[in-house]
Amino acid sequence: MKKHVILSMILVLVVSSTALASGWSEPVLWEHSSSETERMPWYDSESKTLYFTRNYNLYESTMVDGSWSEPTEVIIPGVNRRQNQVSPLRRGNNLYFASYSPATDYDFYVSTWNEETQSWGEAVKLETVSSDLQDWGLWVSSDETVMYLISKGPFDGQEVRGGRGVWKSVKVDGEWTIPVPLQGEINSDTNDWSVIVDETTGKFYVSSTREGALGGTYDIWVFDGEDGEAVNLGLPINAGNARSMWTDGNVMFFTGNSYPGGISSYDIFVSFWQD
């Protein structure tokens, strides 16, 4: 399945001739990038669908016969579409995301796909992992038992260093536990923007403003597990402000903020791993 998806992507995405002998290829704009604000990509391999945020609404585009479909808005009952929805993530029939409200900034929600009506169900707030401040981005394991989230907190009196940090919650008896901040180098004294875990390798990818950035305010850093050391992902990915990302170790979709080759303030780029 993974090889088929990667080969399909290669058919429709033009990769620059400038490539590394071993490493990530030169990033290129995703084919449906536009002058709108587009960011926070998440690729769901089961449905072959790329979810992302366009102008603070959730959108999707599906790989069909080797081509990406025209992006369409994801309609979820129970959310105010005039306010902001960000950070989509799909696991099976569940779509997780963050939604804004004036009282608590961003909070986390989940919507479940209804096969009978072929539509998304009412949004349900994830109370235990939503703080009174900004809950910005999240990653959920494929079995939906572990969550890493980006939040200002605090949770149960606990705080993180810096403005936004990485927290962990696990599901016990069907409920998410109160998040705890990760220790070690993953949480720095500065802001984090997004987190994703490659379940095959156990590597954590975090976009952060920590010291040592190569290309801008935010760079993507990689950690070998929760307690790993911070390693800058380097060029060509970190050639500008590289933010929220999705990767399976073979393909990487990421957000570039005023990034080289972009056409808007936020654009979606794609890169391939080359051995």
C-alpha atoms as a PDB file:
ATOM      1  CA  MET A   1       0.000   0.000   0.000  1.00  0.00           C
ATOM      2  CA  LYS A   2       2.745   2.457   0.992  1.00  0.00           C
ATOM      3  CA  LYS A   3       4.725   1.839  -2.208  1.00  0.00           C
ATOM      4  CA  HIS A   4       1.575   2.302  -4.308  1.00  0.00           C
ATOM      5  CA  VAL A   5       0.775   5.618  -2.631  1.00  0.00           C
ATOM      6  CA  ILE A   6       4.333   6.903  -3.017  1.00  0.00           C
ATOM      7  CA  LEU A   7       4.481   5.926  -6.689  1.00  0.00           C
ATOM      8  CA  SER A   8       1.135   7.636  -7.295  1.00  0.00           C
ATOM      9  CA  MET A   9       2.434  10.815  -5.684  1.00  0.00           C
ATOM     10  CA  ILE A  10       5.557  10.772  -7.837  1.00  0.00           C
ATOM     11  CA  LEU A  11       3.372  10.663 -10.956  1.00  0.00           C
ATOM     12  CA  VAL A  12       1.665  13.934 -10.081  1.00  0.00           C
ATOM     13  CA  LEU A  13       4.334  15.870  -8.180  1.00  0.00           C
ATOM     14  CA  VAL A  14       7.320  17.260 -10.018  1.00  0.00           C
ATOM     15  CA  VAL A  15      10.479  16.808  -8.008  1.00  0.00           C
ATOM     16  CA  SER A  16      13.319  19.248  -8.678  1.00  0.00           C
ATOM     17  CA  SER A  17      16.338  17.879 -10.495  1.00  0.00           C
ATOM     18  CA  THR A  18      18.405  19.212  -7.622  1.00  0.00           C
ATOM     19  CA  ALA A  19      18.374  16.283  -5.202  1.00  0.00           C
ATOM     20  CA  LEU A  20      20.506  14.921  -2.437  1.00  0.00           C
ATOM     21  CA  ALA A  21      22.399  11.661  -2.926  1.00  0.00           C
ATOM     22  CA  SER A  22      20.786  10.498   0.293  1.00  0.00           C
ATOM     23  CA  GLY A  23      18.196  12.553   2.129  1.00  0.00           C
ATOM     24  CA  TRP A  24      15.152  14.684   1.455  1.00  0.00           C
ATOM     25  CA  SER A  25      14.609  15.977  -2.077  1.00  0.00           C
ATOM     26  CA  GLU A  26      14.287  19.667  -2.852  1.00  0.00           C
ATOM     27  CA  PRO A  27      10.790  20.698  -1.674  1.00  0.00           C
ATOM     28  CA  VAL A  28       8.205  21.626  -4.297  1.00  0.00           C
ATOM     29  CA  LEU A  29       4.784  23.213  -4.011  1.00  0.00           C
ATOM     30  CA  TRP A  30       1.873  20.810  -3.705  1.00  0.00           C
ATOM     31  CA  GLU A  31      -0.051  20.907  -6.980  1.00  0.00           C
ATOM     32  CA  HIS A  32      -3.218  22.520  -5.587  1.00  0.00           C
ATOM     33  CA  SER A  33      -1.409  25.296  -3.769  1.00  0.00           C
ATOM     34  CA  SER A  34      -3.036  28.667  -4.333  1.00  0.00           C
ATOM     35  CA  SER A  35      -2.804  32.294  -3.264  1.00  0.00           C
ATOM     36  CA  GLU A  36      -4.906  31.411  -0.190  1.00  0.00           C
ATOM     37  CA  THR A  37      -3.421  30.637   3.222  1.00  0.00           C
ATOM     38  CA  GLU A  38      -2.834  26.863   3.201  1.00  0.00           C
ATOM     39  CA  ARG A  39      -1.098  24.892   5.927  1.00  0.00           C
ATOM     40  CA  MET A  40      -1.187  22.004   8.442  1.00  0.00           C
ATOM     41  CA  PRO A  41      -1.223  19.053   6.008  1.00  0.00           C
ATOM     42  CA  TRP A  42      -2.134  15.541   7.140  1.00  0.00           C
ATOM     43  CA  TYR A  43      -2.140  12.599   4.725  1.00  0.00           C
ATOM     44  CA  ASP A  44      -4.456   9.684   5.493  1.00  0.00           C
ATOM     45  CA  SER A  45      -3.108   6.619   3.701  1.00  0.00           C
ATOM     46  CA  GLU A  46      -6.320   4.595   4.116  1.00  0.00           C
ATOM     47  CA  SER A  47      -8.506   7.054   2.235  1.00  0.00           C
ATOM     48  CA  LYS A  48      -5.594   8.493   0.193  1.00  0.00           C
ATOM     49  CA  THR A  49      -6.753  11.924   1.289  1.00  0.00           C
ATOM     50  CA  LEU A  50      -4.735  14.998   2.159  1.00  0.00           C
ATOM     51  CA  TYR A  51      -6.403  17.114   4.841  1.00  0.00           C
ATOM     52  CA  PHE A  52      -5.260  20.685   5.408  1.00  0.00           C
ATOM     53  CA  THR A  53      -6.373  24.135   6.498  1.00  0.00           C
ATOM     54  CA  ARG A  54      -7.266  26.768   3.904  1.00  0.00           C
ATOM     55  CA  ASN A  55      -8.027  30.211   5.313  1.00  0.00           C
ATOM     56  CA  TYR A  56      -8.818  28.622   8.695  1.00  0.00           C
ATOM     57  CA  ASN A  57     -11.344  26.125   7.334  1.00  0.00           C
ATOM     58  CA  LEU A  58     -10.694  22.388   6.910  1.00  0.00           C
ATOM     59  CA  TYR A  59     -10.229  21.078   3.361  1.00  0.00           C
ATOM     60  CA  GLU A  60      -9.498  17.749   1.722  1.00  0.00           C
ATOM     61  CA  SER A  61      -8.117  16.451  -1.558  1.00  0.00           C
ATOM     62  CA  THR A  62      -8.063  12.771  -2.546  1.00  0.00           C
ATOM     63  CA  MET A  63      -5.713  10.864  -4.823  1.00  0.00           C
ATOM     64  CA  VAL A  64      -7.887   9.437  -7.616  1.00  0.00           C
ATOM     65  CA  ASP A  65      -6.393   7.599 -10.597  1.00  0.00           C
ATOM     66  CA  GLY A  66      -3.012   9.164  -9.988  1.00  0.00           C
ATOM     67  CA  SER A  67      -4.230  12.755  -9.589  1.00  0.00           C
ATOM     68  CA  TRP A  68      -5.241  14.927  -6.646  1.00  0.00           C
ATOM     69  CA  SER A  69      -8.894  15.968  -6.704  1.00  0.00           C
ATOM     70  CA  GLU A  70      -9.854  19.617  -6.502  1.00  0.00           C
ATOM     71  CA  PRO A  71      -9.857  20.551  -2.788  1.00  0.00           C
ATOM     72  CA  THR A  72     -13.266  20.771  -1.116  1.00  0.00           C
ATOM     73  CA  GLU A  73     -14.268  22.027   2.310  1.00  0.00           C
ATOM     74  CA  VAL A  74     -14.820  19.493   5.079  1.00  0.00           C
ATOM     75  CA  ILE A  75     -18.220  20.217   6.625  1.00  0.00           C
ATOM     76  CA  ILE A  76     -18.521  19.262  10.297  1.00  0.00           C
ATOM     77  CA  PRO A  77     -21.743  20.006  12.225  1.00  0.00           C
ATOM     78  CA  GLY A  78     -21.391  21.750  15.530  1.00  0.00           C
ATOM     79  CA  VAL A  79     -18.502  24.097  14.713  1.00  0.00           C
ATOM     80  CA  ASN A  80     -18.713  27.760  13.824  1.00  0.00           C
ATOM     81  CA  ARG A  81     -17.295  27.957  10.299  1.00  0.00           C
ATOM     82  CA  ARG A  82     -16.871  31.724  10.697  1.00  0.00           C
ATOM     83  CA  GLN A  83     -14.293  30.997  13.389  1.00  0.00           C
ATOM     84  CA  ASN A  84     -11.057  29.100  12.919  1.00  0.00           C
ATOM     85  CA  GLN A  85     -10.510  25.367  12.475  1.00  0.00           C
ATOM     86  CA  VAL A  86      -6.941  24.077  12.229  1.00  0.00           C
ATOM     87  CA  SER A  87      -4.718  20.993  12.560  1.00  0.00           C
ATOM     88  CA  PRO A  88      -6.840  18.226  10.950  1.00  0.00           C
ATOM     89  CA  LEU A  89      -5.797  14.619  11.604  1.00  0.00           C
ATOM     90  CA  ARG A  90      -7.709  11.524  10.518  1.00  0.00           C
ATOM     91  CA  ARG A  91      -7.519   8.092  12.129  1.00  0.00           C
ATOM     92  CA  GLY A  92      -9.961   5.561  10.719  1.00  0.00           C
ATOM     93  CA  ASN A  93     -13.434   7.103  10.925  1.00  0.00           C
ATOM     94  CA  ASN A  94     -12.370   9.842  13.349  1.00  0.00           C
ATOM     95  CA  LEU A  95     -11.263  13.315  12.321  1.00  0.00           C
ATOM     96  CA  TYR A  96      -9.454  15.271  15.041  1.00  0.00           C
ATOM     97  CA  PHE A  97      -8.895  19.033  14.810  1.00  0.00           C
ATOM     98  CA  ALA A  98      -8.639  22.248  16.799  1.00  0.00           C
ATOM     99  CA  SER A  99     -11.350  24.899  16.747  1.00  0.00           C
ATOM    100  CA  TYR A 100     -11.320  28.461  18.061  1.00  0.00           C
ATOM    101  CA  SER A 101     -13.653  30.093  20.569  1.00  0.00           C
ATOM    102  CA  PRO A 102     -13.208  33.530  22.177  1.00  0.00           C
ATOM    103  CA  ALA A 103     -13.458  32.120  25.701  1.00  0.00           C
ATOM    104  CA  THR A 104     -10.691  29.482  25.577  1.00  0.00           C
ATOM    105  CA  ASP A 105      -8.810  30.160  22.327  1.00  0.00           C
ATOM    106  CA  TYR A 106      -8.302  26.850  20.463  1.00  0.00           C
ATOM    107  CA  ASP A 107      -9.626  23.535  21.836  1.00  0.00           C
ATOM    108  CA  PHE A 108      -9.520  19.986  20.500  1.00  0.00           C
ATOM    109  CA  TYR A 109     -12.491  18.231  18.911  1.00  0.00           C
ATOM    110  CA  VAL A 110     -13.276  14.965  17.143  1.00  0.00           C
ATOM    111  CA  SER A 111     -15.894  14.119  14.531  1.00  0.00           C
ATOM    112  CA  THR A 112     -16.847  10.597  13.431  1.00  0.00           C
ATOM    113  CA  TRP A 113     -17.653   9.591   9.862  1.00  0.00           C
ATOM    114  CA  ASN A 114     -21.185   8.243   9.361  1.00  0.00           C
ATOM    115  CA  GLU A 115     -21.113   5.543   6.679  1.00  0.00           C
ATOM    116  CA  GLU A 116     -24.892   5.549   6.300  1.00  0.00           C
ATOM    117  CA  THR A 117     -25.211   9.274   5.600  1.00  0.00           C
ATOM    118  CA  GLN A 118     -21.726   9.617   4.107  1.00  0.00           C
ATOM    119  CA  SER A 119     -21.081  12.678   6.250  1.00  0.00           C
ATOM    120  CA  TRP A 120     -19.180  13.787   9.328  1.00  0.00           C
ATOM    121  CA  GLY A 121     -20.967  13.693  12.656  1.00  0.00           C
ATOM    122  CA  GLU A 122     -21.405  16.393  15.276  1.00  0.00           C
ATOM    123  CA  ALA A 123     -18.117  17.755  16.633  1.00  0.00           C
ATOM    124  CA  VAL A 124     -17.373  16.602  20.186  1.00  0.00           C
ATOM    125  CA  LYS A 125     -14.993  18.594  22.374  1.00  0.00           C
ATOM    126  CA  LEU A 126     -12.164  16.594  23.971  1.00  0.00           C
ATOM    127  CA  GLU A 127     -12.505  18.142  27.394  1.00  0.00           C
ATOM    128  CA  THR A 128      -9.574  16.576  29.246  1.00  0.00           C
ATOM    129  CA  VAL A 129      -7.014  17.583  26.597  1.00  0.00           C
ATOM    130  CA  SER A 130      -8.392  21.097  26.076  1.00  0.00           C
ATOM    131  CA  SER A 131      -7.022  23.830  28.342  1.00  0.00           C
ATOM    132  CA  ASP A 132      -8.188  27.359  29.082  1.00  0.00           C
ATOM    133  CA  LEU A 133      -5.483  28.706  26.782  1.00  0.00           C
ATOM    134  CA  GLN A 134      -4.343  27.737  23.298  1.00  0.00           C
ATOM    135  CA  ASP A 135      -4.483  24.066  22.249  1.00  0.00           C
ATOM    136  CA  TRP A 136      -2.966  24.264  18.824  1.00  0.00           C
ATOM    137  CA  GLY A 137      -1.968  20.944  17.264  1.00  0.00           C
ATOM    138  CA  LEU A 138      -2.099  17.227  17.988  1.00  0.00           C
ATOM    139  CA  TRP A 139      -0.937  13.798  16.891  1.00  0.00           C
ATOM    140  CA  VAL A 140      -2.884  10.622  17.652  1.00  0.00           C
ATOM    141  CA  SER A 141      -1.478   7.107  17.296  1.00  0.00           C
ATOM    142  CA  SER A 142      -2.954   4.775  14.688  1.00  0.00           C
ATOM    143  CA  ASP A 143      -4.702   2.732  17.411  1.00  0.00           C
ATOM    144  CA  GLU A 144      -5.960   5.974  19.007  1.00  0.00           C
ATOM    145  CA  THR A 145      -4.519   5.220  22.437  1.00  0.00           C
ATOM    146  CA  VAL A 146      -1.711   7.800  22.604  1.00  0.00           C
ATOM    147  CA  MET A 147      -1.878  11.539  21.918  1.00  0.00           C
ATOM    148  CA  TYR A 148       0.873  14.144  21.744  1.00  0.00           C
ATOM    149  CA  LEU A 149      -0.408  17.691  21.638  1.00  0.00           C
ATOM    150  CA  ILE A 150       0.890  21.218  21.289  1.00  0.00           C
ATOM    151  CA  SER A 151      -0.629  23.471  23.936  1.00  0.00           C
ATOM    152  CA  LYS A 152       0.059  26.429  26.176  1.00  0.00           C
ATOM    153  CA  GLY A 153      -1.679  24.580  29.012  1.00  0.00           C
ATOM    154  CA  PRO A 154      -1.668  24.526  31.919  1.00  0.00           C
ATOM    155  CA  PHE A 155      -3.139  21.125  32.757  1.00  0.00           C
ATOM    156  CA  ASP A 156      -3.743  20.185  36.378  1.00  0.00           C
ATOM    157  CA  GLY A 157      -1.341  22.931  37.468  1.00  0.00           C
ATOM    158  CA  GLN A 158       1.478  21.698  35.223  1.00  0.00           C
ATOM    159  CA  GLU A 159       3.176  23.992  32.739  1.00  0.00           C
ATOM    160  CA  VAL A 160       5.764  23.747  29.969  1.00  0.00           C
ATOM    161  CA  ARG A 161       8.844  25.812  29.346  1.00  0.00           C
ATOM    162  CA  GLY A 162       8.323  28.407  26.638  1.00  0.00           C
ATOM    163  CA  GLY A 163       4.984  29.536  25.243  1.00  0.00           C
ATOM    164  CA  ARG A 164       3.622  26.355  23.611  1.00  0.00           C
ATOM    165  CA  GLY A 165       4.990  22.908  24.355  1.00  0.00           C
ATOM    166  CA  VAL A 166       4.561  19.179  23.760  1.00  0.00           C
ATOM    167  CA  TRP A 167       2.257  17.231  26.100  1.00  0.00           C
ATOM    168  CA  LYS A 168       1.242  13.580  26.269  1.00  0.00           C
ATOM    169  CA  SER A 169      -2.101  11.937  27.008  1.00  0.00           C
ATOM    170  CA  VAL A 170      -3.103   8.270  26.880  1.00  0.00           C
ATOM    171  CA  LYS A 171      -6.537   6.688  26.585  1.00  0.00           C
ATOM    172  CA  VAL A 172      -7.658   4.720  29.651  1.00  0.00           C
ATOM    173  CA  ASP A 173     -11.053   3.012  29.681  1.00  0.00           C
ATOM    174  CA  GLY A 174     -12.051   4.993  26.621  1.00  0.00           C
ATOM    175  CA  GLU A 175     -11.122   8.403  28.073  1.00  0.00           C
ATOM    176  CA  TRP A 176      -8.105  10.624  27.466  1.00  0.00           C
ATOM    177  CA  THR A 177      -6.035  11.277  30.581  1.00  0.00           C
ATOM    178  CA  ILE A 178      -4.981  14.752  31.701  1.00  0.00           C
ATOM    179  CA  PRO A 179      -1.904  15.653  29.612  1.00  0.00           C
ATOM    180  CA  VAL A 180       1.573  15.800  31.138  1.00  0.00           C
ATOM    181  CA  PRO A 181       4.449  17.796  29.629  1.00  0.00           C
ATOM    182  CA  LEU A 182       7.258  15.824  28.005  1.00  0.00           C
ATOM    183  CA  GLN A 183      10.625  16.095  29.649  1.00  0.00           C
ATOM    184  CA  GLY A 184      14.033  16.127  27.993  1.00  0.00           C
ATOM    185  CA  GLU A 185      14.957  18.178  24.949  1.00  0.00           C
ATOM    186  CA  ILE A 186      11.632  17.980  23.085  1.00  0.00           C
ATOM    187  CA  ASN A 187      10.310  20.864  25.174  1.00  0.00           C
ATOM    188  CA  SER A 188      12.574  23.892  24.901  1.00  0.00           C
ATOM    189  CA  ASP A 189      12.384  27.425  26.279  1.00  0.00           C
ATOM    190  CA  THR A 190      10.663  28.583  23.090  1.00  0.00           C
ATOM    191  CA  ASN A 191       7.473  27.932  21.121  1.00  0.00           C
ATOM    192  CA  ASP A 192       6.598  24.642  19.450  1.00  0.00           C
ATOM    193  CA  TRP A 193       4.189  24.588  16.499  1.00  0.00           C
ATOM    194  CA  SER A 194       3.477  20.937  15.714  1.00  0.00           C
ATOM    195  CA  VAL A 195       4.467  17.366  16.561  1.00  0.00           C
ATOM    196  CA  ILE A 196       4.253  14.108  14.633  1.00  0.00           C
ATOM    197  CA  VAL A 197       5.580  10.621  15.373  1.00  0.00           C
ATOM    198  CA  ASP A 198       6.741   8.160  12.716  1.00  0.00           C
ATOM    199  CA  GLU A 199       5.366   4.961  14.250  1.00  0.00           C
ATOM    200  CA  THR A 200       7.660   2.803  12.121  1.00  0.00           C
ATOM    201  CA  THR A 201      10.884   4.328  13.457  1.00  0.00           C
ATOM    202  CA  GLY A 202       9.705   5.974  16.682  1.00  0.00           C
ATOM    203  CA  LYS A 203      11.134   9.311  15.536  1.00  0.00           C
ATOM    204  CA  PHE A 204       9.471  12.522  16.712  1.00  0.00           C
ATOM    205  CA  TYR A 205       9.320  15.538  14.390  1.00  0.00           C
ATOM    206  CA  VAL A 206       8.716  18.904  16.078  1.00  0.00           C
ATOM    207  CA  SER A 207       8.639  22.359  14.497  1.00  0.00           C
ATOM    208  CA  SER A 208      10.093  24.828  16.956  1.00  0.00           C
ATOM    209  CA  THR A 209      11.699  28.248  17.370  1.00  0.00           C
ATOM    210  CA  ARG A 210      14.476  26.783  19.513  1.00  0.00           C
ATOM    211  CA  GLU A 211      18.048  28.012  19.215  1.00  0.00           C
ATOM    212  CA  GLY A 212      19.951  26.735  16.189  1.00  0.00           C
ATOM    213  CA  ALA A 213      17.413  27.395  13.433  1.00  0.00           C
ATOM    214  CA  LEU A 214      18.909  27.409   9.946  1.00  0.00           C
ATOM    215  CA  GLY A 215      16.240  28.968   7.772  1.00  0.00           C
ATOM    216  CA  GLY A 216      13.938  31.146   9.802  1.00  0.00           C
ATOM    217  CA  THR A 217      11.888  31.515  12.939  1.00  0.00           C
ATOM    218  CA  TYR A 218      10.665  27.890  12.859  1.00  0.00           C
ATOM    219  CA  ASP A 219      12.662  24.829  11.854  1.00  0.00           C
ATOM    220  CA  ILE A 220      11.755  21.138  11.939  1.00  0.00           C
ATOM    221  CA  TRP A 221      13.694  19.074  14.456  1.00  0.00           C
ATOM    222  CA  VAL A 222      13.868  15.302  14.802  1.00  0.00           C
ATOM    223  CA  PHE A 223      14.210  13.277  18.004  1.00  0.00           C
ATOM    224  CA  ASP A 224      14.929   9.585  18.422  1.00  0.00           C
ATOM    225  CA  GLY A 225      12.016   8.919  20.793  1.00  0.00           C
ATOM    226  CA  GLU A 226      10.563  10.993  23.639  1.00  0.00           C
ATOM    227  CA  ASP A 227      13.949  11.322  25.337  1.00  0.00           C
ATOM    228  CA  GLY A 228      16.027  11.842  22.205  1.00  0.00           C
ATOM    229  CA  GLU A 229      18.363  14.752  21.522  1.00  0.00           C
ATOM    230  CA  ALA A 230      17.254  17.592  19.278  1.00  0.00           C
ATOM    231  CA  VAL A 231      18.695  17.273  15.756  1.00  0.00           C
ATOM    232  CA  ASN A 232      17.939  19.923  13.145  1.00  0.00           C
ATOM    233  CA  LEU A 233      16.416  18.266  10.062  1.00  0.00           C
ATOM    234  CA  GLY A 234      18.683  20.489   7.986  1.00  0.00           C
ATOM    235  CA  LEU A 235      18.555  21.484   4.350  1.00  0.00           C
ATOM    236  CA  PRO A 236      16.755  21.388   2.024  1.00  0.00           C
ATOM    237  CA  ILE A 237      13.647  21.222   4.289  1.00  0.00           C
ATOM    238  CA  ASN A 238      14.768  23.941   6.702  1.00  0.00           C
ATOM    239  CA  ALA A 239      15.359  26.559   4.026  1.00  0.00           C
ATOM    240  CA  GLY A 240      12.795  28.955   5.511  1.00  0.00           C
ATOM    241  CA  ASN A 241      10.123  28.919   8.163  1.00  0.00           C
ATOM    242  CA  ALA A 242       9.152  25.231   8.049  1.00  0.00           C
ATOM    243  CA  ARG A 243       6.211  24.471  10.304  1.00  0.00           C
ATOM    244  CA  SER A 244       3.502  21.797  10.609  1.00  0.00           C
ATOM    245  CA  MET A 245       4.308  18.562   8.821  1.00  0.00           C
ATOM    246  CA  TRP A 246       3.230  14.997   8.054  1.00  0.00           C
ATOM    247  CA  THR A 247       5.692  12.256   7.200  1.00  0.00           C
ATOM    248  CA  ASP A 248       5.958   8.492   7.035  1.00  0.00           C
ATOM    249  CA  GLY A 249       9.714   8.642   6.512  1.00  0.00           C
ATOM    250  CA  ASN A 250       9.326   8.404   2.727  1.00  0.00           C
ATOM    251  CA  VAL A 251       7.190  11.433   1.913  1.00  0.00           C
ATOM    252  CA  MET A 252       6.961  14.700   3.820  1.00  0.00           C
ATOM    253  CA  PHE A 253       4.243  17.307   3.453  1.00  0.00           C
ATOM    254  CA  PHE A 254       4.980  20.472   5.405  1.00  0.00           C
ATOM    255  CA  THR A 255       3.952  24.099   5.760  1.00  0.00           C
ATOM    256  CA  GLY A 256       6.260  26.836   4.547  1.00  0.00           C
ATOM    257  CA  ASN A 257       5.688  30.315   5.983  1.00  0.00           C
ATOM    258  CA  SER A 258       6.959  32.877   3.424  1.00  0.00           C
ATOM    259  CA  TYR A 259       9.068  29.957   2.229  1.00  0.00           C
ATOM    260  CA  PRO A 260      11.321  30.050  -0.871  1.00  0.00           C
ATOM    261  CA  GLY A 261       9.236  29.211  -3.930  1.00  0.00           C
ATOM    262  CA  GLY A 262       5.939  29.884  -2.172  1.00  0.00           C
ATOM    263  CA  ILE A 263       3.049  31.892  -3.578  1.00  0.00           C
ATOM    264  CA  SER A 264       1.285  32.891  -0.360  1.00  0.00           C
ATOM    265  CA  SER A 265       2.133  33.621   3.254  1.00  0.00           C
ATOM    266  CA  TYR A 266       1.563  29.927   4.048  1.00  0.00           C
ATOM    267  CA  ASP A 267       1.974  27.154   1.463  1.00  0.00           C
ATOM    268  CA  ILE A 268       2.097  23.367   1.439  1.00  0.00           C
ATOM    269  CA  PHE A 269       5.296  21.767   0.143  1.00  0.00           C
ATOM    270  CA  VAL A 270       6.248  18.151  -0.467  1.00  0.00           C
ATOM    271  CA  SER A 271       9.595  16.344  -0.370  1.00  0.00           C
ATOM    272  CA  PHE A 272      10.635  12.710  -0.917  1.00  0.00           C
ATOM    273  CA  TRP A 273      13.264  10.676   0.908  1.00  0.00           C
ATOM    274  CA  GLN A 274      15.987   9.414  -1.410  1.00  0.00           C
ATOM    275  CA  ASP A 275      18.401   6.648  -0.439  1.00  0.00           C
END
